[in-house]
């Protein structure tokens, strides 16, 4: 059995998002260029590691369960955080400082200082 930290990879989130968008495992497999059995196996690994059911498979549609919807939402939040980290790293590498500190005293009015900024 896999640990949850080992199975929650960017690729795993890509697969889960594809299933949610397509509404079926077969549709997601086609969109990702995978065979359905491989996609199903990957989802089963994730579900086993987390010990939760991520998709309701009771009909022909694959709908996220409450746990699946939460994982998809948190995966999107993580993707946005990763994008922000990449952006910050690139800024630092290109010479931008990650932080700017301005010290001012009462000689310059607060409104003039904010206008200059």
PDB file of N, CA and C in Angstrom:
ATOM      1  N   UNK A   1       0.841  -1.175   0.000  1.00  0.00           N
ATOM      2  CA  UNK A   1       0.000   0.000   0.000  1.00  0.00           C
ATOM      3  C   UNK A   1       0.887   1.239   0.000  1.00  0.00           C
ATOM      4  N   UNK A   2       0.478   2.277  -0.710  1.00  0.00           N
ATOM      5  CA  UNK A   2       1.225   3.520  -0.822  1.00  0.00           C
ATOM      6  C   UNK A   2       0.818   4.479   0.283  1.00  0.00           C
ATOM      7  N   UNK A   3       1.793   5.310   0.689  1.00  0.00           N
ATOM      8  CA  UNK A   3       1.477   6.392   1.621  1.00  0.00           C
ATOM      9  C   UNK A   3       0.803   7.509   0.836  1.00  0.00           C
ATOM     10  N   UNK A   4      -0.086   8.259   1.492  1.00  0.00           N
ATOM     11  CA  UNK A   4      -0.806   9.326   0.786  1.00  0.00           C
ATOM     12  C   UNK A   4       0.152  10.371   0.239  1.00  0.00           C
ATOM     13  N   UNK A   5       1.236  10.652   0.947  1.00  0.00           N
ATOM     14  CA  UNK A   5       2.202  11.641   0.464  1.00  0.00           C
ATOM     15  C   UNK A   5       2.882  11.171  -0.819  1.00  0.00           C
ATOM     16  N   UNK A   6       2.963   9.872  -1.015  1.00  0.00           N
ATOM     17  CA  UNK A   6       3.611   9.333  -2.208  1.00  0.00           C
ATOM     18  C   UNK A   6       2.701   9.337  -3.435  1.00  0.00           C
ATOM     19  N   UNK A   7       1.402   9.246  -3.231  1.00  0.00           N
ATOM     20  CA  UNK A   7       0.488   9.159  -4.370  1.00  0.00           C
ATOM     21  C   UNK A   7      -0.099  10.505  -4.780  1.00  0.00           C
ATOM     22  N   UNK A   8      -0.057  11.495  -3.911  1.00  0.00           N
ATOM     23  CA  UNK A   8      -0.615  12.809  -4.250  1.00  0.00           C
ATOM     24  C   UNK A   8       0.435  13.639  -4.973  1.00  0.00           C
ATOM     25  N   UNK A   9       0.582  13.336  -6.238  1.00  0.00           N
ATOM     26  CA  UNK A   9       1.554  14.010  -7.095  1.00  0.00           C
ATOM     27  C   UNK A   9       0.811  14.931  -8.063  1.00  0.00           C
ATOM     28  N   UNK A  10       1.519  15.846  -8.712  1.00  0.00           N
ATOM     29  CA  UNK A  10       0.852  16.658  -9.740  1.00  0.00           C
ATOM     30  C   UNK A  10       0.166  15.803 -10.801  1.00  0.00           C
ATOM     31  N   UNK A  11       0.774  14.687 -11.171  1.00  0.00           N
ATOM     32  CA  UNK A  11       0.169  13.799 -12.164  1.00  0.00           C
ATOM     33  C   UNK A  11      -1.132  13.188 -11.634  1.00  0.00           C
ATOM     34  N   UNK A  12      -1.157  12.845 -10.353  1.00  0.00           N
ATOM     35  CA  UNK A  12      -2.380  12.293  -9.755  1.00  0.00           C
ATOM     36  C   UNK A  12      -3.499  13.329  -9.802  1.00  0.00           C
ATOM     37  N   UNK A  13      -3.181  14.576  -9.468  1.00  0.00           N
ATOM     38  CA  UNK A  13      -4.198  15.628  -9.529  1.00  0.00           C
ATOM     39  C   UNK A  13      -4.663  15.864 -10.971  1.00  0.00           C
ATOM     40  N   UNK A  14      -3.760  15.744 -11.925  1.00  0.00           N
ATOM     41  CA  UNK A  14      -4.120  15.892 -13.337  1.00  0.00           C
ATOM     42  C   UNK A  14      -5.115  14.805 -13.731  1.00  0.00           C
ATOM     43  N   UNK A  15      -4.894  13.582 -13.293  1.00  0.00           N
ATOM     44  CA  UNK A  15      -5.791  12.464 -13.588  1.00  0.00           C
ATOM     45  C   UNK A  15      -7.157  12.688 -12.936  1.00  0.00           C
ATOM     46  N   UNK A  16      -7.163  13.061 -11.668  1.00  0.00           N
ATOM     47  CA  UNK A  16      -8.428  13.269 -10.955  1.00  0.00           C
ATOM     48  C   UNK A  16      -9.229  14.406 -11.583  1.00  0.00           C
ATOM     49  N   UNK A  17      -8.558  15.481 -11.964  1.00  0.00           N
ATOM     50  CA  UNK A  17      -9.236  16.595 -12.630  1.00  0.00           C
ATOM     51  C   UNK A  17      -9.817  16.165 -13.970  1.00  0.00           C
ATOM     52  N   UNK A  18      -9.085  15.351 -14.705  1.00  0.00           N
ATOM     53  CA  UNK A  18      -9.564  14.880 -16.009  1.00  0.00           C
ATOM     54  C   UNK A  18     -10.832  14.044 -15.840  1.00  0.00           C
ATOM     55  N   UNK A  19     -10.882  13.216 -14.819  1.00  0.00           N
ATOM     56  CA  UNK A  19     -12.077  12.397 -14.575  1.00  0.00           C
ATOM     57  C   UNK A  19     -13.263  13.297 -14.229  1.00  0.00           C
ATOM     58  N   UNK A  20     -13.016  14.276 -13.350  1.00  0.00           N
ATOM     59  CA  UNK A  20     -14.098  15.182 -12.956  1.00  0.00           C
ATOM     60  C   UNK A  20     -14.618  15.970 -14.159  1.00  0.00           C
ATOM     61  N   UNK A  21     -13.702  16.425 -15.024  1.00  0.00           N
ATOM     62  CA  UNK A  21     -14.120  17.188 -16.213  1.00  0.00           C
ATOM     63  C   UNK A  21     -14.869  16.306 -17.211  1.00  0.00           C
ATOM     64  N   UNK A  22     -14.347  15.109 -17.461  1.00  0.00           N
ATOM     65  CA  UNK A  22     -14.942  14.222 -18.467  1.00  0.00           C
ATOM     66  C   UNK A  22     -16.225  13.568 -17.961  1.00  0.00           C
ATOM     67  N   UNK A  23     -16.318  13.390 -16.660  1.00  0.00           N
ATOM     68  CA  UNK A  23     -17.495  12.731 -16.098  1.00  0.00           C
ATOM     69  C   UNK A  23     -17.445  11.222 -16.182  1.00  0.00           C
ATOM     70  N   UNK A  24     -16.336  10.689 -16.698  1.00  0.00           N
ATOM     71  CA  UNK A  24     -16.186   9.230 -16.768  1.00  0.00           C
ATOM     72  C   UNK A  24     -14.705   8.879 -16.815  1.00  0.00           C
ATOM     73  N   UNK A  25     -14.423   7.660 -16.402  1.00  0.00           N
ATOM     74  CA  UNK A  25     -13.044   7.177 -16.445  1.00  0.00           C
ATOM     75  C   UNK A  25     -12.608   6.975 -17.891  1.00  0.00           C
ATOM     76  N   UNK A  26     -13.513   6.452 -18.724  1.00  0.00           N
ATOM     77  CA  UNK A  26     -13.167   6.197 -20.129  1.00  0.00           C
ATOM     78  C   UNK A  26     -12.873   7.508 -20.852  1.00  0.00           C
ATOM     79  N   UNK A  27     -13.699   8.523 -20.627  1.00  0.00           N
ATOM     80  CA  UNK A  27     -13.483   9.826 -21.257  1.00  0.00           C
ATOM     81  C   UNK A  27     -12.187  10.470 -20.803  1.00  0.00           C
ATOM     82  N   UNK A  28     -11.894  10.348 -19.521  1.00  0.00           N
ATOM     83  CA  UNK A  28     -10.644  10.904 -18.998  1.00  0.00           C
ATOM     84  C   UNK A  28      -9.444  10.157 -19.571  1.00  0.00           C
ATOM     85  N   UNK A  29      -9.553   8.846 -19.676  1.00  0.00           N
ATOM     86  CA  UNK A  29      -8.457   8.050 -20.237  1.00  0.00           C
ATOM     87  C   UNK A  29      -8.173   8.480 -21.677  1.00  0.00           C
ATOM     88  N   UNK A  30      -9.233   8.679 -22.464  1.00  0.00           N
ATOM     89  CA  UNK A  30      -9.053   9.147 -23.849  1.00  0.00           C
ATOM     90  C   UNK A  30      -8.367  10.509 -23.870  1.00  0.00           C
ATOM     91  N   UNK A  31      -8.833  11.420 -23.024  1.00  0.00           N
ATOM     92  CA  UNK A  31      -8.273  12.776 -22.993  1.00  0.00           C
ATOM     93  C   UNK A  31      -6.804  12.772 -22.582  1.00  0.00           C
ATOM     94  N   UNK A  32      -6.435  11.824 -21.726  1.00  0.00           N
ATOM     95  CA  UNK A  32      -5.058  11.765 -21.232  1.00  0.00           C
ATOM     96  C   UNK A  32      -4.174  10.840 -22.059  1.00  0.00           C
ATOM     97  N   UNK A  33      -4.759  10.140 -23.027  1.00  0.00           N
ATOM     98  CA  UNK A  33      -3.982   9.208 -23.837  1.00  0.00           C
ATOM     99  C   UNK A  33      -3.557   7.976 -23.058  1.00  0.00           C
ATOM    100  N   UNK A  34      -4.421   7.540 -22.147  1.00  0.00           N
ATOM    101  CA  UNK A  34      -4.140   6.357 -21.326  1.00  0.00           C
ATOM    102  C   UNK A  34      -5.166   5.280 -21.644  1.00  0.00           C
ATOM    103  N   UNK A  35      -4.852   4.060 -21.297  1.00  0.00           N
ATOM    104  CA  UNK A  35      -5.870   3.019 -21.373  1.00  0.00           C
ATOM    105  C   UNK A  35      -6.697   3.106 -20.092  1.00  0.00           C
ATOM    106  N   UNK A  36      -8.014   2.847 -20.182  1.00  0.00           N
ATOM    107  CA  UNK A  36      -8.873   2.976 -19.000  1.00  0.00           C
ATOM    108  C   UNK A  36      -8.407   2.147 -17.804  1.00  0.00           C
ATOM    109  N   UNK A  37      -7.872   0.967 -18.050  1.00  0.00           N
ATOM    110  CA  UNK A  37      -7.447   0.121 -16.925  1.00  0.00           C
ATOM    111  C   UNK A  37      -6.292   0.764 -16.156  1.00  0.00           C
ATOM    112  N   UNK A  38      -5.387   1.432 -16.860  1.00  0.00           N
ATOM    113  CA  UNK A  38      -4.265   2.095 -16.178  1.00  0.00           C
ATOM    114  C   UNK A  38      -4.765   3.275 -15.348  1.00  0.00           C
ATOM    115  N   UNK A  39      -5.713   4.015 -15.895  1.00  0.00           N
ATOM    116  CA  UNK A  39      -6.270   5.146 -15.164  1.00  0.00           C
ATOM    117  C   UNK A  39      -7.021   4.659 -13.922  1.00  0.00           C
ATOM    118  N   UNK A  40      -7.818   3.632 -14.089  1.00  0.00           N
ATOM    119  CA  UNK A  40      -8.569   3.067 -12.959  1.00  0.00           C
ATOM    120  C   UNK A  40      -7.618   2.566 -11.882  1.00  0.00           C
ATOM    121  N   UNK A  41      -6.537   1.920 -12.295  1.00  0.00           N
ATOM    122  CA  UNK A  41      -5.534   1.421 -11.346  1.00  0.00           C
ATOM    123  C   UNK A  41      -4.915   2.571 -10.554  1.00  0.00           C
ATOM    124  N   UNK A  42      -4.580   3.667 -11.232  1.00  0.00           N
ATOM    125  CA  UNK A  42      -3.980   4.827 -10.547  1.00  0.00           C
ATOM    126  C   UNK A  42      -4.945   5.432  -9.531  1.00  0.00           C
ATOM    127  N   UNK A  43      -6.220   5.544  -9.917  1.00  0.00           N
ATOM    128  CA  UNK A  43      -7.211   6.102  -8.991  1.00  0.00           C
ATOM    129  C   UNK A  43      -7.377   5.172  -7.790  1.00  0.00           C
ATOM    130  N   UNK A  44      -7.399   3.875  -8.038  1.00  0.00           N
ATOM    131  CA  UNK A  44      -7.531   2.910  -6.937  1.00  0.00           C
ATOM    132  C   UNK A  44      -6.342   3.026  -5.979  1.00  0.00           C
ATOM    133  N   UNK A  45      -5.137   3.237  -6.495  1.00  0.00           N
ATOM    134  CA  UNK A  45      -3.962   3.429  -5.634  1.00  0.00           C
ATOM    135  C   UNK A  45      -4.141   4.653  -4.741  1.00  0.00           C
ATOM    136  N   UNK A  46      -4.627   5.737  -5.322  1.00  0.00           N
ATOM    137  CA  UNK A  46      -4.839   6.967  -4.555  1.00  0.00           C
ATOM    138  C   UNK A  46      -5.907   6.733  -3.484  1.00  0.00           C
ATOM    139  N   UNK A  47      -7.013   6.100  -3.879  1.00  0.00           N
ATOM    140  CA  UNK A  47      -8.089   5.838  -2.922  1.00  0.00           C
ATOM    141  C   UNK A  47      -7.618   4.915  -1.802  1.00  0.00           C
ATOM    142  N   UNK A  48      -6.838   3.904  -2.139  1.00  0.00           N
ATOM    143  CA  UNK A  48      -6.323   2.988  -1.108  1.00  0.00           C
ATOM    144  C   UNK A  48      -5.385   3.712  -0.150  1.00  0.00           C
ATOM    145  N   UNK A  49      -4.525   4.558  -0.687  1.00  0.00           N
ATOM    146  CA  UNK A  49      -3.574   5.278   0.169  1.00  0.00           C
ATOM    147  C   UNK A  49      -4.291   6.242   1.104  1.00  0.00           C
ATOM    148  N   UNK A  50      -5.352   6.881   0.616  1.00  0.00           N
ATOM    149  CA  UNK A  50      -6.102   7.825   1.444  1.00  0.00           C
ATOM    150  C   UNK A  50      -7.204   7.150   2.260  1.00  0.00           C
ATOM    151  N   UNK A  51      -7.534   5.911   1.890  1.00  0.00           N
ATOM    152  CA  UNK A  51      -8.609   5.143   2.516  1.00  0.00           C
ATOM    153  C   UNK A  51      -9.950   5.864   2.387  1.00  0.00           C
ATOM    154  N   UNK A  52     -10.201   6.404   1.197  1.00  0.00           N
ATOM    155  CA  UNK A  52     -11.466   7.079   0.887  1.00  0.00           C
ATOM    156  C   UNK A  52     -11.883   6.727  -0.537  1.00  0.00           C
ATOM    157  N   UNK A  53     -13.163   6.871  -0.804  1.00  0.00           N
ATOM    158  CA  UNK A  53     -13.676   6.727  -2.156  1.00  0.00           C
ATOM    159  C   UNK A  53     -13.765   8.122  -2.748  1.00  0.00           C
ATOM    160  N   UNK A  54     -13.108   8.358  -3.877  1.00  0.00           N
ATOM    161  CA  UNK A  54     -13.051   9.691  -4.469  1.00  0.00           C
ATOM    162  C   UNK A  54     -14.135   9.935  -5.508  1.00  0.00           C
ATOM    163  N   UNK A  55     -14.623   8.872  -6.150  1.00  0.00           N
ATOM    164  CA  UNK A  55     -15.649   9.009  -7.173  1.00  0.00           C
ATOM    165  C   UNK A  55     -16.767   8.017  -6.931  1.00  0.00           C
ATOM    166  N   UNK A  56     -17.997   8.485  -7.118  1.00  0.00           N
ATOM    167  CA  UNK A  56     -19.174   7.624  -7.061  1.00  0.00           C
ATOM    168  C   UNK A  56     -19.288   6.957  -8.424  1.00  0.00           C
ATOM    169  N   UNK A  57     -19.166   5.651  -8.443  1.00  0.00           N
ATOM    170  CA  UNK A  57     -19.198   4.899  -9.691  1.00  0.00           C
ATOM    171  C   UNK A  57     -20.502   4.114  -9.835  1.00  0.00           C
ATOM    172  N   UNK A  58     -21.549   4.497  -9.107  1.00  0.00           N
ATOM    173  CA  UNK A  58     -22.787   3.726  -9.115  1.00  0.00           C
ATOM    174  C   UNK A  58     -23.559   3.850 -10.425  1.00  0.00           C
ATOM    175  N   UNK A  59     -23.222   4.849 -11.230  1.00  0.00           N
ATOM    176  CA  UNK A  59     -23.857   4.980 -12.541  1.00  0.00           C
ATOM    177  C   UNK A  59     -22.753   5.040 -13.596  1.00  0.00           C
ATOM    178  N   UNK A  60     -23.132   5.311 -14.822  1.00  0.00           N
ATOM    179  CA  UNK A  60     -22.128   5.406 -15.890  1.00  0.00           C
ATOM    180  C   UNK A  60     -21.280   6.666 -15.738  1.00  0.00           C
ATOM    181  N   UNK A  61     -21.782   7.606 -14.981  1.00  0.00           N
ATOM    182  CA  UNK A  61     -21.034   8.841 -14.717  1.00  0.00           C
ATOM    183  C   UNK A  61     -20.135   8.632 -13.504  1.00  0.00           C
ATOM    184  N   UNK A  62     -18.955   9.230 -13.530  1.00  0.00           N
ATOM    185  CA  UNK A  62     -18.061   9.221 -12.370  1.00  0.00           C
ATOM    186  C   UNK A  62     -18.161  10.602 -11.737  1.00  0.00           C
ATOM    187  N   UNK A  63     -18.817  10.665 -10.601  1.00  0.00           N
ATOM    188  CA  UNK A  63     -18.997  11.947  -9.915  1.00  0.00           C
ATOM    189  C   UNK A  63     -18.164  11.963  -8.650  1.00  0.00           C
ATOM    190  N   UNK A  64     -17.470  13.079  -8.393  1.00  0.00           N
ATOM    191  CA  UNK A  64     -16.674  13.145  -7.165  1.00  0.00           C
ATOM    192  C   UNK A  64     -17.557  13.011  -5.925  1.00  0.00           C
ATOM    193  N   UNK A  65     -17.096  12.234  -4.979  1.00  0.00           N
ATOM    194  CA  UNK A  65     -17.743  12.180  -3.672  1.00  0.00           C
ATOM    195  C   UNK A  65     -17.391  13.471  -2.948  1.00  0.00           C
ATOM    196  N   UNK A  66     -17.903  13.649  -1.745  1.00  0.00           N
ATOM    197  CA  UNK A  66     -17.553  14.840  -0.957  1.00  0.00           C
ATOM    198  C   UNK A  66     -16.041  14.882  -0.726  1.00  0.00           C
ATOM    199  N   UNK A  67     -15.458  13.729  -0.431  1.00  0.00           N
ATOM    200  CA  UNK A  67     -14.006  13.660  -0.230  1.00  0.00           C
ATOM    201  C   UNK A  67     -13.267  13.957  -1.524  1.00  0.00           C
ATOM    202  N   UNK A  68     -13.779  13.459  -2.630  1.00  0.00           N
ATOM    203  CA  UNK A  68     -13.162  13.713  -3.933  1.00  0.00           C
ATOM    204  C   UNK A  68     -13.218  15.178  -4.303  1.00  0.00           C
ATOM    205  N   UNK A  69     -14.365  15.810  -4.052  1.00  0.00           N
ATOM    206  CA  UNK A  69     -14.505  17.243  -4.347  1.00  0.00           C
ATOM    207  C   UNK A  69     -13.539  18.059  -3.502  1.00  0.00           C
ATOM    208  N   UNK A  70     -13.377  17.668  -2.249  1.00  0.00           N
ATOM    209  CA  UNK A  70     -12.436  18.394  -1.371  1.00  0.00           C
ATOM    210  C   UNK A  70     -11.000  18.204  -1.858  1.00  0.00           C
ATOM    211  N   UNK A  71     -10.655  16.988  -2.262  1.00  0.00           N
ATOM    212  CA  UNK A  71      -9.305  16.747  -2.771  1.00  0.00           C
ATOM    213  C   UNK A  71      -9.059  17.550  -4.046  1.00  0.00           C
ATOM    214  N   UNK A  72     -10.045  17.617  -4.929  1.00  0.00           N
ATOM    215  CA  UNK A  72      -9.901  18.412  -6.150  1.00  0.00           C
ATOM    216  C   UNK A  72      -9.715  19.893  -5.817  1.00  0.00           C
ATOM    217  N   UNK A  73     -10.474  20.398  -4.859  1.00  0.00           N
ATOM    218  CA  UNK A  73     -10.354  21.811  -4.471  1.00  0.00           C
ATOM    219  C   UNK A  73      -8.986  22.092  -3.860  1.00  0.00           C
ATOM    220  N   UNK A  74      -8.535  21.214  -2.987  1.00  0.00           N
ATOM    221  CA  UNK A  74      -7.225  21.411  -2.367  1.00  0.00           C
ATOM    222  C   UNK A  74      -6.103  21.234  -3.385  1.00  0.00           C
ATOM    223  N   UNK A  75      -6.302  20.346  -4.342  1.00  0.00           N
ATOM    224  CA  UNK A  75      -5.315  20.177  -5.412  1.00  0.00           C
ATOM    225  C   UNK A  75      -5.175  21.445  -6.230  1.00  0.00           C
ATOM    226  N   UNK A  76      -6.283  22.113  -6.504  1.00  0.00           N
ATOM    227  CA  UNK A  76      -6.238  23.386  -7.237  1.00  0.00           C
ATOM    228  C   UNK A  76      -5.511  24.452  -6.427  1.00  0.00           C
ATOM    229  N   UNK A  77      -5.780  24.476  -5.122  1.00  0.00           N
ATOM    230  CA  UNK A  77      -5.081  25.432  -4.249  1.00  0.00           C
ATOM    231  C   UNK A  77      -3.580  25.159  -4.257  1.00  0.00           C
ATOM    232  N   UNK A  78      -3.203  23.897  -4.193  1.00  0.00           N
ATOM    233  CA  UNK A  78      -1.781  23.536  -4.227  1.00  0.00           C
ATOM    234  C   UNK A  78      -1.146  23.923  -5.558  1.00  0.00           C
ATOM    235  N   UNK A  79      -1.873  23.717  -6.664  1.00  0.00           N
ATOM    236  CA  UNK A  79      -1.361  24.092  -7.985  1.00  0.00           C
ATOM    237  C   UNK A  79      -1.095  25.593  -8.048  1.00  0.00           C
ATOM    238  N   UNK A  80      -2.001  26.374  -7.498  1.00  0.00           N
ATOM    239  CA  UNK A  80      -1.822  27.824  -7.482  1.00  0.00           C
ATOM    240  C   UNK A  80      -0.620  28.215  -6.621  1.00  0.00           C
ATOM    241  N   UNK A  81      -0.433  27.540  -5.495  1.00  0.00           N
ATOM    242  CA  UNK A  81       0.718  27.808  -4.634  1.00  0.00           C
ATOM    243  C   UNK A  81       2.027  27.446  -5.342  1.00  0.00           C
ATOM    244  N   UNK A  82       2.036  26.326  -6.038  1.00  0.00           N
ATOM    245  CA  UNK A  82       3.235  25.916  -6.781  1.00  0.00           C
ATOM    246  C   UNK A  82       3.554  26.938  -7.858  1.00  0.00           C
ATOM    247  N   UNK A  83       2.520  27.396  -8.580  1.00  0.00           N
ATOM    248  CA  UNK A  83       2.726  28.424  -9.601  1.00  0.00           C
ATOM    249  C   UNK A  83       3.310  29.697  -8.988  1.00  0.00           C
ATOM    250  N   UNK A  84       2.825  30.073  -7.808  1.00  0.00           N
ATOM    251  CA  UNK A  84       3.326  31.276  -7.133  1.00  0.00           C
ATOM    252  C   UNK A  84       4.784  31.098  -6.723  1.00  0.00           C
ATOM    253  N   UNK A  85       5.139  29.922  -6.239  1.00  0.00           N
ATOM    254  CA  UNK A  85       6.531  29.652  -5.856  1.00  0.00           C
ATOM    255  C   UNK A  85       7.434  29.736  -7.077  1.00  0.00           C
ATOM    256  N   UNK A  86       7.006  29.134  -8.185  1.00  0.00           N
ATOM    257  CA  UNK A  86       7.795  29.188  -9.416  1.00  0.00           C
ATOM    258  C   UNK A  86       7.993  30.640  -9.846  1.00  0.00           C
ATOM    259  N   UNK A  87       6.943  31.429  -9.772  1.00  0.00           N
ATOM    260  CA  UNK A  87       7.020  32.839 -10.153  1.00  0.00           C
ATOM    261  C   UNK A  87       8.001  33.598  -9.250  1.00  0.00           C
ATOM    262  N   UNK A  88       7.928  33.365  -7.940  1.00  0.00           N
ATOM    263  CA  UNK A  88       8.850  34.039  -7.002  1.00  0.00           C
ATOM    264  C   UNK A  88      10.294  33.638  -7.261  1.00  0.00           C
ATOM    265  N   UNK A  89      10.531  32.356  -7.512  1.00  0.00           N
ATOM    266  CA  UNK A  89      11.887  31.876  -7.774  1.00  0.00           C
ATOM    267  C   UNK A  89      12.446  32.520  -9.032  1.00  0.00           C
ATOM    268  N   UNK A  90      11.629  32.603 -10.071  1.00  0.00           N
ATOM    269  CA  UNK A  90      12.078  33.236 -11.315  1.00  0.00           C
ATOM    270  C   UNK A  90      12.385  34.713 -11.108  1.00  0.00           C
ATOM    271  N   UNK A  91      11.573  35.398 -10.307  1.00  0.00           N
ATOM    272  CA  UNK A  91      11.828  36.815 -10.033  1.00  0.00           C
ATOM    273  C   UNK A  91      13.152  36.989  -9.303  1.00  0.00           C
ATOM    274  N   UNK A  92      13.397  36.160  -8.304  1.00  0.00           N
ATOM    275  CA  UNK A  92      14.653  36.251  -7.552  1.00  0.00           C
ATOM    276  C   UNK A  92      15.833  35.939  -8.463  1.00  0.00           C
ATOM    277  N   UNK A  93      15.707  34.928  -9.312  1.00  0.00           N
ATOM    278  CA  UNK A  93      16.791  34.547 -10.217  1.00  0.00           C
ATOM    279  C   UNK A  93      17.101  35.641 -11.221  1.00  0.00           C
ATOM    280  N   UNK A  94      16.089  36.458 -11.564  1.00  0.00           N
ATOM    281  CA  UNK A  94      16.326  37.525 -12.541  1.00  0.00           C
ATOM    282  C   UNK A  94      16.748  38.834 -11.886  1.00  0.00           C
ATOM    283  N   UNK A  95      16.999  38.801 -10.577  1.00  0.00           N
ATOM    284  CA  UNK A  95      17.519  39.983  -9.900  1.00  0.00           C
ATOM    285  C   UNK A  95      16.517  40.762  -9.072  1.00  0.00           C
ATOM    286  N   UNK A  96      15.260  40.398  -9.140  1.00  0.00           N
ATOM    287  CA  UNK A  96      14.260  41.079  -8.319  1.00  0.00           C
ATOM    288  C   UNK A  96      14.448  40.681  -6.871  1.00  0.00           C
ATOM    289  N   UNK A  97      14.315  41.627  -6.006  1.00  0.00           N
ATOM    290  CA  UNK A  97      14.363  41.341  -4.580  1.00  0.00           C
ATOM    291  C   UNK A  97      12.998  40.814  -4.147  1.00  0.00           C
ATOM    292  N   UNK A  98      12.980  39.838  -3.253  1.00  0.00           N
ATOM    293  CA  UNK A  98      11.692  39.290  -2.834  1.00  0.00           C
ATOM    294  C   UNK A  98      10.901  40.228  -1.916  1.00  0.00           C
ATOM    295  N   UNK A  99      11.561  41.254  -1.399  1.00  0.00           N
ATOM    296  CA  UNK A  99      10.893  42.153  -0.464  1.00  0.00           C
ATOM    297  C   UNK A  99      11.476  43.547  -0.597  1.00  0.00           C
ATOM    298  N   UNK A 100      10.643  44.546  -0.429  1.00  0.00           N
ATOM    299  CA  UNK A 100      11.062  45.938  -0.469  1.00  0.00           C
ATOM    300  C   UNK A 100      10.662  46.588   0.844  1.00  0.00           C
ATOM    301  N   UNK A 101      11.604  47.248   1.492  1.00  0.00           N
ATOM    302  CA  UNK A 101      11.319  47.933   2.745  1.00  0.00           C
ATOM    303  C   UNK A 101      11.533  49.421   2.544  1.00  0.00           C
ATOM    304  N   UNK A 102      10.548  50.209   2.946  1.00  0.00           N
ATOM    305  CA  UNK A 102      10.634  51.666   2.849  1.00  0.00           C
ATOM    306  C   UNK A 102      10.516  52.222   4.256  1.00  0.00           C
ATOM    307  N   UNK A 103      11.468  53.050   4.608  1.00  0.00           N
ATOM    308  CA  UNK A 103      11.414  53.721   5.913  1.00  0.00           C
ATOM    309  C   UNK A 103      11.160  55.195   5.664  1.00  0.00           C
ATOM    310  N   UNK A 104      10.217  55.761   6.372  1.00  0.00           N
ATOM    311  CA  UNK A 104       9.880  57.178   6.207  1.00  0.00           C
ATOM    312  C   UNK A 104       9.568  57.761   7.572  1.00  0.00           C
ATOM    313  N   UNK A 105       9.824  59.054   7.698  1.00  0.00           N
ATOM    314  CA  UNK A 105       9.450  59.720   8.938  1.00  0.00           C
ATOM    315  C   UNK A 105       8.415  60.791   8.631  1.00  0.00           C
ATOM    316  N   UNK A 106       8.139  61.643   9.553  1.00  0.00           N
ATOM    317  CA  UNK A 106       7.065  62.624   9.417  1.00  0.00           C
ATOM    318  C   UNK A 106       7.395  63.750   8.434  1.00  0.00           C
ATOM    319  N   UNK A 107       8.635  63.828   7.937  1.00  0.00           N
ATOM    320  CA  UNK A 107       9.021  64.882   7.005  1.00  0.00           C
ATOM    321  C   UNK A 107       8.215  64.764   5.707  1.00  0.00           C
ATOM    322  N   UNK A 108       7.947  63.522   5.275  1.00  0.00           N
ATOM    323  CA  UNK A 108       7.159  63.280   4.062  1.00  0.00           C
ATOM    324  C   UNK A 108       5.769  62.846   4.496  1.00  0.00           C
ATOM    325  N   UNK A 109       4.768  63.508   3.944  1.00  0.00           N
ATOM    326  CA  UNK A 109       3.393  63.138   4.320  1.00  0.00           C
ATOM    327  C   UNK A 109       3.080  61.729   3.829  1.00  0.00           C
ATOM    328  N   UNK A 110       2.235  61.080   4.579  1.00  0.00           N
ATOM    329  CA  UNK A 110       1.856  59.701   4.250  1.00  0.00           C
ATOM    330  C   UNK A 110       1.210  59.632   2.864  1.00  0.00           C
ATOM    331  N   UNK A 111       0.334  60.574   2.540  1.00  0.00           N
ATOM    332  CA  UNK A 111      -0.340  60.538   1.245  1.00  0.00           C
ATOM    333  C   UNK A 111       0.635  60.769   0.100  1.00  0.00           C
ATOM    334  N   UNK A 112       1.625  61.655   0.284  1.00  0.00           N
ATOM    335  CA  UNK A 112       2.632  61.874  -0.764  1.00  0.00           C
ATOM    336  C   UNK A 112       3.492  60.632  -0.954  1.00  0.00           C
ATOM    337  N   UNK A 113       3.844  59.968   0.133  1.00  0.00           N
ATOM    338  CA  UNK A 113       4.648  58.755   0.052  1.00  0.00           C
ATOM    339  C   UNK A 113       3.885  57.652  -0.697  1.00  0.00           C
ATOM    340  N   UNK A 114       2.600  57.488  -0.388  1.00  0.00           N
ATOM    341  CA  UNK A 114       1.808  56.467  -1.064  1.00  0.00           C
ATOM    342  C   UNK A 114       1.636  56.783  -2.542  1.00  0.00           C
ATOM    343  N   UNK A 115       1.516  58.081  -2.875  1.00  0.00           N
ATOM    344  CA  UNK A 115       1.393  58.460  -4.278  1.00  0.00           C
ATOM    345  C   UNK A 115       2.679  58.148  -5.029  1.00  0.00           C
ATOM    346  N   UNK A 116       3.826  58.378  -4.406  1.00  0.00           N
ATOM    347  CA  UNK A 116       5.095  58.078  -5.030  1.00  0.00           C
ATOM    348  C   UNK A 116       5.302  56.581  -5.225  1.00  0.00           C
ATOM    349  N   UNK A 117       4.796  55.814  -4.293  1.00  0.00           N
ATOM    350  CA  UNK A 117       4.937  54.350  -4.404  1.00  0.00           C
ATOM    351  C   UNK A 117       4.111  53.861  -5.569  1.00  0.00           C
TER     352      UNK A 117
END
